[in-house]
Amino acid sequence: MIPIAKPVIDEDEIEAVIEVLRSGIIAQSKRVEEFERAFAEYIGVDYAIAVSNGTAALDIALKAAGIGEGDEVITTPFTFIATSNAILFQRARPLFADVDETYNIDPDKVAERITRKTKAVVGVHLYGHPFDIKPVMEICEDHNLLLIEDCAQAHGAEYEGQKVGSFGIGCFSFYATKNMTTAEGGMITCNDRKFAERCRLLRSHGETKKYEHTILGHNMRMTDIQAAMGLVQLKKIEWLNGRRIENARFYNENIKIEGLEKPKERKNVKHVYHQYVLRVENDFPMSRDELSKYLTEKGVGNAIHYPKPVYLQPLYINLGYSEGLCPAAEEASRKVISIPVHPLLTDNELRYIVDVINGVSR
């Protein structure tokens, strides 16, 4: 089976982790600080705050921004549930804005959702393609809203030549299958010193110095073990993304069958292809679910990202959300399918995947 995802871990990461283990200093320490500085420089921001995972990054960012009970936060319904759950953690209410042709949040739909209770917008750079940041930023400026970028799938992606995570408050995940990994882990990026300081307090029980706690916080720290891996991965990220982009280009040029829509990519962005997502239209010989079964039988890993909009998950239905809220997201959830695009794919595997897909019509 050709896996849908596969982390690139070699001797460099292994040796870096072993060095930390041998040092005996394995919790948050100097390696984390080094990783924070290096990541901030890479993204092009003043501050980076390492945390335990991507969900923690979103949770802490919203808390640091003062989002609380009774507030509303606009976000996308077509992504992993962590994005909107982080809003629920604040006892705030997610307002879902529909998606555009790139499956990212639609700025026009964002504007339609704003009420007097709205305090922030959380946009997701889905599949590695940046959402249309400029009009969303203008909306936020006009209505005095905080912009949070969920960059969990978009390390190194760019919008008009600028790295995502540097426009608003950036929140990254380093989960095992992301474009770069620390196994678990996350990062918050910003240019506001006071905001960064508050995030650091929130990730470590509000501790200003040993056994002195000024605010209610969490234990959401990153370890030096994770940071050591992250430092190695950060040096490789451009190569890792480059391989993903090359693989996506191969698919774009060689998948030639009616009824499969290939990913849309805006000219003003750098898409880093966390996922390569096909859309199965009605004139394709198989349904989306039949195609998934067919690919699996042929040894091609695949996945559905995502089988239903967040608001149609049982948790959200119980909160009063219902079908019909975001028609474009609902249609996408019935039609999308991801195929392998990770950096370790061989030329033979890429050709095999293309032949299998193109062979559906024969």
Protein backbone atom coordinates (compact mmCIF):
# COMPACT_ATOMS: atom_id res chain seq x y z
CA MET A 1 0.00 0.00 0.00
CA ILE A 2 1.29 3.46 -0.91
CA PRO A 3 0.54 5.46 2.26
CA ILE A 4 -1.48 8.66 2.15
CA ALA A 5 1.13 10.30 4.43
CA LYS A 6 4.61 9.45 5.64
CA PRO A 7 6.87 11.59 7.87
CA VAL A 8 10.44 12.17 6.70
CA ILE A 9 12.59 11.12 9.65
CA ASP A 10 16.25 10.21 9.16
CA GLU A 11 19.50 10.05 11.13
CA ASP A 12 19.66 13.83 11.64
CA GLU A 13 16.43 13.86 13.67
CA ILE A 14 17.40 10.68 15.50
CA GLU A 15 20.80 12.03 16.51
CA ALA A 16 19.31 15.36 17.61
CA VAL A 17 16.82 13.59 19.88
CA ILE A 18 19.47 11.24 21.27
CA GLU A 19 21.67 14.22 22.12
CA VAL A 20 18.86 15.75 24.18
CA LEU A 21 18.12 12.44 25.91
CA ARG A 22 21.77 12.04 26.84
CA SER A 23 21.89 15.58 28.21
CA GLY A 24 19.27 14.72 30.85
CA ILE A 25 17.45 18.01 30.14
CA ILE A 26 14.39 16.75 28.31
CA ALA A 27 11.54 19.13 29.29
CA GLN A 28 11.15 22.71 28.04
CA SER A 29 14.57 24.36 28.07
CA LYS A 30 17.24 25.77 25.76
CA ARG A 31 16.30 23.71 22.69
CA VAL A 32 12.75 25.07 22.83
CA GLU A 33 14.06 28.63 23.01
CA GLU A 34 16.35 27.96 20.04
CA PHE A 35 13.48 26.47 18.04
CA GLU A 36 11.27 29.46 18.85
CA ARG A 37 13.91 31.92 17.61
CA ALA A 38 14.58 29.92 14.44
CA PHE A 39 10.88 29.49 13.63
CA ALA A 40 10.12 33.19 14.21
CA GLU A 41 12.93 34.10 11.82
CA TYR A 42 11.66 31.64 9.21
CA ILE A 43 8.08 32.97 9.33
CA GLY A 44 9.26 36.59 9.49
CA VAL A 45 7.81 37.61 12.86
CA ASP A 46 9.21 38.95 16.11
CA TYR A 47 7.93 36.21 18.42
CA ALA A 48 7.20 32.49 18.36
CA ILE A 49 5.82 30.59 21.36
CA ALA A 50 6.20 26.81 21.34
CA VAL A 51 3.34 24.76 22.80
CA SER A 52 2.29 21.13 23.14
CA ASN A 53 0.20 20.84 19.95
CA GLY A 54 -1.74 22.78 17.34
CA THR A 55 -4.98 22.74 19.31
CA ALA A 56 -3.14 24.26 22.28
CA ALA A 57 -1.82 26.99 19.97
CA LEU A 58 -5.37 27.93 18.94
CA ASP A 59 -6.71 27.70 22.49
CA ILE A 60 -3.95 29.85 23.98
CA ALA A 61 -4.15 32.42 21.16
CA LEU A 62 -7.88 32.88 21.70
CA LYS A 63 -7.43 33.08 25.47
CA ALA A 64 -4.61 35.59 25.14
CA ALA A 65 -6.87 37.69 22.91
CA GLY A 66 -9.52 37.78 25.64
CA ILE A 67 -12.17 35.85 23.71
CA GLY A 68 -14.77 34.70 26.23
CA GLU A 69 -18.31 33.70 27.00
CA GLY A 70 -20.89 35.38 24.79
CA ASP A 71 -18.40 36.33 22.08
CA GLU A 72 -18.67 35.11 18.50
CA VAL A 73 -15.79 34.01 16.28
CA ILE A 74 -16.14 33.48 12.53
CA THR A 75 -14.39 30.45 11.07
CA THR A 76 -14.61 27.85 8.32
CA PRO A 77 -16.75 24.71 8.59
CA PHE A 78 -14.53 22.76 6.20
CA THR A 79 -11.50 21.71 8.23
CA PHE A 80 -10.51 19.55 11.18
CA ILE A 81 -12.72 20.05 14.23
CA ALA A 82 -9.89 21.46 16.41
CA THR A 83 -10.27 24.92 14.88
CA SER A 84 -13.84 25.49 16.03
CA ASN A 85 -13.45 23.44 19.21
CA ALA A 86 -10.84 25.96 20.36
CA ILE A 87 -13.56 28.59 20.08
CA LEU A 88 -15.91 26.46 22.18
CA PHE A 89 -13.17 26.12 24.82
CA GLN A 90 -13.58 29.88 25.42
CA ARG A 91 -17.38 29.44 25.82
CA ALA A 92 -17.67 31.53 22.66
CA ARG A 93 -19.83 30.63 19.66
CA PRO A 94 -18.39 29.69 16.25
CA LEU A 95 -20.05 31.39 13.28
CA PHE A 96 -19.40 29.35 10.15
CA ALA A 97 -18.69 31.12 6.85
CA ASP A 98 -18.85 29.10 3.64
CA VAL A 99 -15.86 28.26 1.43
CA ASP A 100 -14.64 29.29 -2.03
CA GLU A 101 -13.26 27.22 -4.94
CA THR A 102 -9.99 26.54 -3.05
CA TYR A 103 -12.05 25.15 -0.13
CA ASN A 104 -10.85 28.05 2.02
CA ILE A 105 -13.02 30.54 3.87
CA ASP A 106 -14.79 32.94 1.48
CA PRO A 107 -14.21 36.62 2.41
CA ASP A 108 -17.66 37.61 1.13
CA LYS A 109 -19.26 35.04 3.43
CA VAL A 110 -17.14 36.29 6.35
CA ALA A 111 -18.58 39.77 5.92
CA GLU A 112 -22.12 38.36 5.97
CA ARG A 113 -21.61 36.64 9.34
CA ILE A 114 -20.47 39.66 11.37
CA THR A 115 -22.67 40.76 14.28
CA ARG A 116 -22.14 43.11 17.20
CA LYS A 117 -20.86 40.12 19.23
CA THR A 118 -18.19 39.13 16.72
CA LYS A 119 -14.66 39.51 18.10
CA ALA A 120 -12.37 37.53 15.77
CA VAL A 121 -11.95 35.59 12.55
CA VAL A 122 -10.06 32.28 12.46
CA GLY A 123 -9.12 31.42 8.89
CA VAL A 124 -7.54 28.08 7.95
CA HIS A 125 -4.94 27.77 5.19
CA LEU A 126 -6.51 24.51 4.10
CA TYR A 127 -4.50 21.74 2.41
CA GLY A 128 -1.49 24.10 2.27
CA HIS A 129 -3.24 26.75 0.13
CA PRO A 130 -3.48 30.17 1.84
CA PHE A 131 -6.94 31.63 2.23
CA ASP A 132 -7.49 35.01 0.56
CA ILE A 133 -5.85 37.00 3.34
CA LYS A 134 -6.00 40.59 2.08
CA PRO A 135 -9.80 40.98 1.89
CA VAL A 136 -10.22 39.12 5.19
CA MET A 137 -7.69 41.48 6.82
CA GLU A 138 -9.60 44.48 5.45
CA ILE A 139 -12.83 43.13 6.91
CA CYS A 140 -11.13 42.63 10.27
CA GLU A 141 -9.68 46.14 10.24
CA ASP A 142 -13.03 47.70 9.30
CA HIS A 143 -14.83 45.89 12.15
CA ASN A 144 -12.02 45.87 14.74
CA LEU A 145 -11.72 42.07 14.70
CA LEU A 146 -8.69 39.96 15.57
CA LEU A 147 -7.36 37.78 12.74
CA ILE A 148 -6.02 34.36 13.67
CA GLU A 149 -4.41 32.21 10.99
CA ASP A 150 -4.69 28.47 11.47
CA CYS A 151 -1.49 27.40 9.69
CA ALA A 152 -1.57 23.75 10.79
CA GLN A 153 -1.41 22.56 7.17
CA ALA A 154 0.63 25.38 5.66
CA HIS A 155 4.20 25.61 7.00
CA GLY A 156 6.11 27.70 4.47
CA ALA A 157 3.08 28.63 2.36
CA GLU A 158 3.06 32.22 1.10
CA TYR A 159 0.53 34.88 0.17
CA GLU A 160 1.87 37.62 -2.12
CA GLY A 161 5.43 36.64 -1.19
CA GLN A 162 4.88 36.73 2.59
CA LYS A 163 4.78 33.65 4.78
CA VAL A 164 1.45 32.69 6.31
CA GLY A 165 1.45 33.09 10.06
CA SER A 166 2.88 36.60 9.74
CA PHE A 167 -0.31 38.50 8.85
CA GLY A 168 -2.37 37.94 12.00
CA ILE A 169 -1.76 35.63 14.95
CA GLY A 170 -0.33 32.40 13.51
CA CYS A 171 -1.09 28.97 14.96
CA PHE A 172 0.91 25.97 13.72
CA SER A 173 0.78 22.22 14.35
CA PHE A 174 3.75 19.86 14.17
CA TYR A 175 1.75 16.64 14.23
CA ALA A 176 3.36 13.57 12.64
CA THR A 177 1.79 13.99 9.18
CA LYS A 178 2.25 17.75 8.81
CA ASN A 179 4.66 19.34 6.32
CA MET A 180 7.18 19.42 9.16
CA THR A 181 6.87 17.50 12.41
CA THR A 182 7.98 17.23 16.01
CA ALA A 183 5.67 14.18 16.44
CA GLU A 184 3.31 16.43 18.42
CA GLY A 185 3.79 20.13 19.14
CA GLY A 186 2.62 23.54 18.06
CA MET A 187 3.68 27.17 17.70
CA ILE A 188 2.08 30.60 18.01
CA THR A 189 3.57 33.45 15.97
CA CYS A 190 3.01 37.19 16.40
CA ASN A 191 4.61 40.64 16.40
CA ASP A 192 3.10 41.86 19.69
CA ARG A 193 5.41 41.55 22.70
CA LYS A 194 2.63 41.74 25.30
CA PHE A 195 0.56 39.16 23.46
CA ALA A 196 3.57 36.85 23.28
CA GLU A 197 4.23 37.26 27.00
CA ARG A 198 0.62 36.40 27.82
CA CYS A 199 0.83 33.28 25.63
CA ARG A 200 3.96 32.19 27.51
CA LEU A 201 2.12 32.62 30.81
CA LEU A 202 -0.91 30.69 29.59
CA ARG A 203 1.16 27.71 28.42
CA SER A 204 2.80 27.28 31.83
CA HIS A 205 0.26 27.76 34.65
CA GLY A 206 0.59 31.56 34.59
CA GLU A 207 4.02 31.31 36.16
CA THR A 208 6.11 34.50 36.09
CA LYS A 209 8.88 32.96 38.17
CA LYS A 210 9.35 29.72 40.08
CA TYR A 211 6.21 29.04 42.15
CA GLU A 212 4.70 32.46 41.49
CA HIS A 213 1.52 32.34 39.39
CA THR A 214 -0.31 35.49 38.30
CA ILE A 215 -3.05 34.16 35.98
CA LEU A 216 -4.87 30.88 35.42
CA GLY A 217 -2.91 28.92 32.82
CA HIS A 218 -2.33 25.41 31.55
CA ASN A 219 0.50 22.95 31.16
CA MET A 220 0.85 23.15 27.37
CA ARG A 221 4.61 23.26 27.01
CA MET A 222 6.82 21.75 24.32
CA THR A 223 9.75 19.53 25.31
CA ASP A 224 13.37 19.87 24.26
CA ILE A 225 13.03 16.44 22.65
CA GLN A 226 10.35 17.80 20.30
CA ALA A 227 12.24 21.04 19.71
CA ALA A 228 15.40 19.16 18.74
CA MET A 229 13.45 17.35 16.03
CA GLY A 230 11.79 20.60 15.00
CA LEU A 231 15.11 22.37 14.50
CA VAL A 232 16.24 19.64 12.10
CA GLN A 233 12.91 19.60 10.27
CA LEU A 234 12.94 23.40 9.90
CA LYS A 235 16.23 23.15 7.98
CA LYS A 236 14.52 20.72 5.59
CA ILE A 237 11.16 22.43 5.20
CA GLU A 238 11.88 24.09 1.85
CA TRP A 239 13.05 20.76 0.39
CA LEU A 240 10.09 18.92 1.90
CA ASN A 241 7.66 21.47 0.47
CA GLY A 242 9.50 21.46 -2.83
CA ARG A 243 8.97 17.73 -3.17
CA ARG A 244 5.26 18.11 -2.42
CA ILE A 245 4.96 20.85 -5.05
CA GLU A 246 6.80 18.72 -7.63
CA ASN A 247 4.52 15.75 -6.91
CA ALA A 248 1.44 17.94 -7.24
CA ARG A 249 2.73 19.31 -10.54
CA PHE A 250 3.18 15.75 -11.82
CA TYR A 251 -0.43 14.98 -10.96
CA ASN A 252 -1.64 18.22 -12.55
CA GLU A 253 0.13 17.37 -15.79
CA ASN A 254 -0.68 13.67 -15.95
CA ILE A 255 -4.10 13.00 -14.44
CA LYS A 256 -6.28 13.17 -17.52
CA ILE A 257 -9.75 11.83 -17.00
CA GLU A 258 -13.11 13.56 -17.24
CA GLY A 259 -15.03 14.09 -14.05
CA LEU A 260 -12.06 14.64 -11.73
CA GLU A 261 -11.39 18.24 -10.84
CA LYS A 262 -7.80 18.99 -9.84
CA PRO A 263 -6.90 21.55 -7.11
CA LYS A 264 -7.41 25.23 -7.81
CA GLU A 265 -4.39 27.44 -7.08
CA ARG A 266 -4.42 31.24 -6.99
CA LYS A 267 -1.57 33.00 -8.81
CA ASN A 268 -0.61 35.13 -5.80
CA VAL A 269 0.12 32.22 -3.44
CA LYS A 270 2.65 29.50 -2.78
CA HIS A 271 0.64 26.31 -2.23
CA VAL A 272 2.63 23.74 -0.21
CA TYR A 273 0.27 20.80 -0.78
CA HIS A 274 -0.22 19.33 2.64
CA GLN A 275 -2.88 17.40 0.77
CA TYR A 276 -3.52 16.88 -2.94
CA VAL A 277 -7.29 16.89 -3.20
CA LEU A 278 -9.35 15.75 -6.17
CA ARG A 279 -13.03 16.54 -6.58
CA VAL A 280 -15.23 13.77 -7.99
CA GLU A 281 -17.92 15.29 -10.20
CA ASN A 282 -21.11 13.66 -11.48
CA ASP A 283 -19.65 12.76 -14.90
CA PHE A 284 -16.90 10.61 -13.35
CA PRO A 285 -17.48 6.85 -13.85
CA MET A 286 -17.55 6.21 -10.08
CA SER A 287 -18.87 7.93 -7.00
CA ARG A 288 -16.33 9.41 -4.58
CA ASP A 289 -16.77 6.50 -2.16
CA GLU A 290 -16.46 3.96 -4.97
CA LEU A 291 -13.23 5.65 -6.08
CA SER A 292 -11.88 5.45 -2.53
CA LYS A 293 -12.61 1.73 -2.40
CA TYR A 294 -11.09 1.21 -5.87
CA LEU A 295 -7.87 3.05 -4.92
CA THR A 296 -7.56 1.04 -1.72
CA GLU A 297 -7.97 -2.21 -3.65
CA LYS A 298 -5.22 -1.07 -6.02
CA GLY A 299 -2.86 -0.30 -3.13
CA VAL A 300 -3.15 3.49 -3.25
CA GLY A 301 -3.72 5.12 0.12
CA ASN A 302 -6.40 7.79 0.16
CA ALA A 303 -8.48 9.78 2.61
CA ILE A 304 -11.50 12.05 2.81
CA HIS A 305 -10.55 15.48 4.13
CA TYR A 306 -13.31 16.11 5.29
CA PRO A 307 -16.42 13.85 5.18
CA LYS A 308 -18.75 16.43 6.71
CA PRO A 309 -18.64 20.11 7.68
CA VAL A 310 -17.79 20.66 11.34
CA TYR A 311 -21.28 21.91 12.17
CA LEU A 312 -22.77 18.57 11.12
CA GLN A 313 -20.70 16.66 13.66
CA PRO A 314 -22.93 15.32 16.49
CA LEU A 315 -21.32 17.69 19.00
CA TYR A 316 -22.35 20.72 16.93
CA ILE A 317 -25.80 19.43 16.00
CA ASN A 318 -26.43 19.16 19.75
CA LEU A 319 -25.44 22.84 20.00
CA GLY A 320 -28.17 23.81 17.53
CA TYR A 321 -26.37 23.87 14.17
CA SER A 322 -28.08 22.23 11.20
CA GLU A 323 -27.75 21.26 7.55
CA GLY A 324 -27.89 23.95 4.87
CA LEU A 325 -25.74 26.51 6.69
CA CYS A 326 -22.82 26.40 4.21
CA PRO A 327 -23.88 24.75 0.92
CA ALA A 328 -20.44 24.90 -0.76
CA ALA A 329 -18.78 23.16 2.18
CA GLU A 330 -21.51 20.52 2.27
CA GLU A 331 -21.08 19.79 -1.43
CA ALA A 332 -17.30 19.62 -1.09
CA SER A 333 -17.59 17.13 1.76
CA ARG A 334 -19.49 14.78 -0.58
CA LYS A 335 -16.98 15.06 -3.45
CA VAL A 336 -13.37 15.48 -2.23
CA ILE A 337 -10.74 12.75 -1.97
CA SER A 338 -7.04 13.08 -1.09
CA ILE A 339 -4.30 11.02 -2.73
CA PRO A 340 -0.65 10.66 -1.62
CA VAL A 341 1.54 13.74 -2.21
CA HIS A 342 4.14 13.33 0.56
CA PRO A 343 7.87 13.89 -0.13
CA LEU A 344 8.88 10.22 -0.02
CA LEU A 345 6.86 9.15 -3.05
CA THR A 346 9.03 7.61 -5.76
CA ASP A 347 8.70 8.31 -9.47
CA ASN A 348 7.39 4.78 -9.96
CA GLU A 349 4.75 5.28 -7.27
CA LEU A 350 3.64 8.58 -8.79
CA ARG A 351 3.30 7.00 -12.23
CA TYR A 352 1.42 4.04 -10.76
CA ILE A 353 -1.06 6.31 -8.95
CA VAL A 354 -1.68 8.28 -12.15
CA ASP A 355 -2.15 5.09 -14.19
CA VAL A 356 -4.59 3.71 -11.65
CA ILE A 357 -6.67 6.88 -11.69
CA ASN A 358 -6.60 7.34 -15.45
CA GLY A 359 -7.47 3.67 -15.82
CA VAL A 360 -10.88 4.11 -14.22
CA SER A 361 -12.44 4.97 -17.59
CA ARG A 362 -11.01 1.95 -19.42
